[in-house]
Amino acid sequence: MDLLVEDSIIIEVKAVELVNPVWEAQIISHLKLLNKDLEVLINFKVPLIKSGIRRFINTKKNY
């Protein structure tokens, strides 16, 4: 976990050619363990930054 914004959104920042599927599992674990709604993975090593952004939403949030 790189950043936590407003105690609700987790930001994970990468600069890699290829996103590792293990990171996606790690992101889902972050969401569940920290009981947060949203995590965003931003990969800066892409030609168009829009294509390097992925959102992950926690559908199993504990209230």
C-alpha atoms as a PDB file:
ATOM      1  CA  MET A   1       0.000   0.000   0.000  1.00  0.00           C
ATOM      2  CA  ASP A   2       1.532   3.287  -1.083  1.00  0.00           C
ATOM      3  CA  LEU A   3      -1.089   5.897  -0.122  1.00  0.00           C
ATOM      4  CA  LEU A   4      -4.279   6.092   1.895  1.00  0.00           C
ATOM      5  CA  VAL A   5      -6.496   9.019   0.853  1.00  0.00           C
ATOM      6  CA  GLU A   6      -9.111  10.400   3.264  1.00  0.00           C
ATOM      7  CA  ASP A   7      -9.005   7.110   5.179  1.00  0.00           C
ATOM      8  CA  SER A   8     -11.082   5.459   2.439  1.00  0.00           C
ATOM      9  CA  ILE A   9      -9.202   5.036  -0.869  1.00  0.00           C
ATOM     10  CA  ILE A  10      -5.982   3.028  -1.183  1.00  0.00           C
ATOM     11  CA  ILE A  11      -3.544   3.974  -3.938  1.00  0.00           C
ATOM     12  CA  GLU A  12      -0.971   1.492  -5.222  1.00  0.00           C
ATOM     13  CA  VAL A  13       1.668   3.017  -7.515  1.00  0.00           C
ATOM     14  CA  LYS A  14       3.816   1.027  -9.962  1.00  0.00           C
ATOM     15  CA  ALA A  15       6.150   1.767 -12.874  1.00  0.00           C
ATOM     16  CA  VAL A  16       6.496  -1.601 -14.595  1.00  0.00           C
ATOM     17  CA  GLU A  17       6.166  -3.037 -18.092  1.00  0.00           C
ATOM     18  CA  LEU A  18       3.758  -5.784 -17.026  1.00  0.00           C
ATOM     19  CA  VAL A  19       1.408  -5.862 -14.031  1.00  0.00           C
ATOM     20  CA  ASN A  20       1.875  -9.013 -11.984  1.00  0.00           C
ATOM     21  CA  PRO A  21      -1.359 -10.928 -11.146  1.00  0.00           C
ATOM     22  CA  VAL A  22      -0.028 -11.410  -7.599  1.00  0.00           C
ATOM     23  CA  TRP A  23      -0.425  -7.656  -7.062  1.00  0.00           C
ATOM     24  CA  GLU A  24      -4.122  -7.933  -7.869  1.00  0.00           C
ATOM     25  CA  ALA A  25      -4.538 -10.576  -5.149  1.00  0.00           C
ATOM     26  CA  GLN A  26      -2.587  -8.333  -2.785  1.00  0.00           C
ATOM     27  CA  ILE A  27      -4.909  -5.415  -3.581  1.00  0.00           C
ATOM     28  CA  ILE A  28      -7.990  -7.507  -2.838  1.00  0.00           C
ATOM     29  CA  SER A  29      -6.396  -8.542   0.469  1.00  0.00           C
ATOM     30  CA  HIS A  30      -5.727  -4.884   1.332  1.00  0.00           C
ATOM     31  CA  LEU A  31      -9.377  -4.026   0.743  1.00  0.00           C
ATOM     32  CA  LYS A  32     -10.688  -6.880   2.868  1.00  0.00           C
ATOM     33  CA  LEU A  33      -8.210  -6.580   5.738  1.00  0.00           C
ATOM     34  CA  LEU A  34      -8.471  -2.797   6.023  1.00  0.00           C
ATOM     35  CA  ASN A  35     -12.217  -2.817   5.325  1.00  0.00           C
ATOM     36  CA  LYS A  36     -11.954  -0.104   2.648  1.00  0.00           C
ATOM     37  CA  ASP A  37     -14.221   0.540  -0.343  1.00  0.00           C
ATOM     38  CA  LEU A  38     -11.824   1.285  -3.171  1.00  0.00           C
ATOM     39  CA  GLU A  39      -8.236   0.696  -4.251  1.00  0.00           C
ATOM     40  CA  VAL A  40      -6.646   2.130  -7.368  1.00  0.00           C
ATOM     41  CA  LEU A  41      -3.599   0.642  -9.072  1.00  0.00           C
ATOM     42  CA  ILE A  42      -1.706   3.209 -11.154  1.00  0.00           C
ATOM     43  CA  ASN A  43       1.035   2.036 -13.500  1.00  0.00           C
ATOM     44  CA  PHE A  44       3.102   4.936 -14.844  1.00  0.00           C
ATOM     45  CA  LYS A  45       5.073   2.911 -17.401  1.00  0.00           C
ATOM     46  CA  VAL A  46       2.427   3.058 -20.130  1.00  0.00           C
ATOM     47  CA  PRO A  47       2.136   5.321 -23.200  1.00  0.00           C
ATOM     48  CA  LEU A  48      -1.263   6.680 -22.074  1.00  0.00           C
ATOM     49  CA  ILE A  49      -1.779   7.040 -18.310  1.00  0.00           C
ATOM     50  CA  LYS A  50      -5.493   6.298 -18.690  1.00  0.00           C
ATOM     51  CA  SER A  51      -4.641   2.752 -19.760  1.00  0.00           C
ATOM     52  CA  GLY A  52      -2.463   2.262 -16.663  1.00  0.00           C
ATOM     53  CA  ILE A  53      -5.232   2.876 -14.114  1.00  0.00           C
ATOM     54  CA  ARG A  54      -7.254  -0.018 -12.642  1.00  0.00           C
ATOM     55  CA  ARG A  55      -9.950   0.276  -9.972  1.00  0.00           C
ATOM     56  CA  PHE A  56     -10.750  -2.456  -7.471  1.00  0.00           C
ATOM     57  CA  ILE A  57     -13.951  -2.272  -5.444  1.00  0.00           C
ATOM     58  CA  ASN A  58     -14.586  -4.150  -2.205  1.00  0.00           C
ATOM     59  CA  THR A  59     -17.960  -5.851  -2.654  1.00  0.00           C
ATOM     60  CA  LYS A  60     -17.715  -7.666   0.698  1.00  0.00           C
ATOM     61  CA  LYS A  61     -17.388  -4.659   3.000  1.00  0.00           C
ATOM     62  CA  ASN A  62     -18.091  -5.261   6.692  1.00  0.00           C
ATOM     63  CA  TYR A  63     -20.234  -2.496   8.175  1.00  0.00           C
END
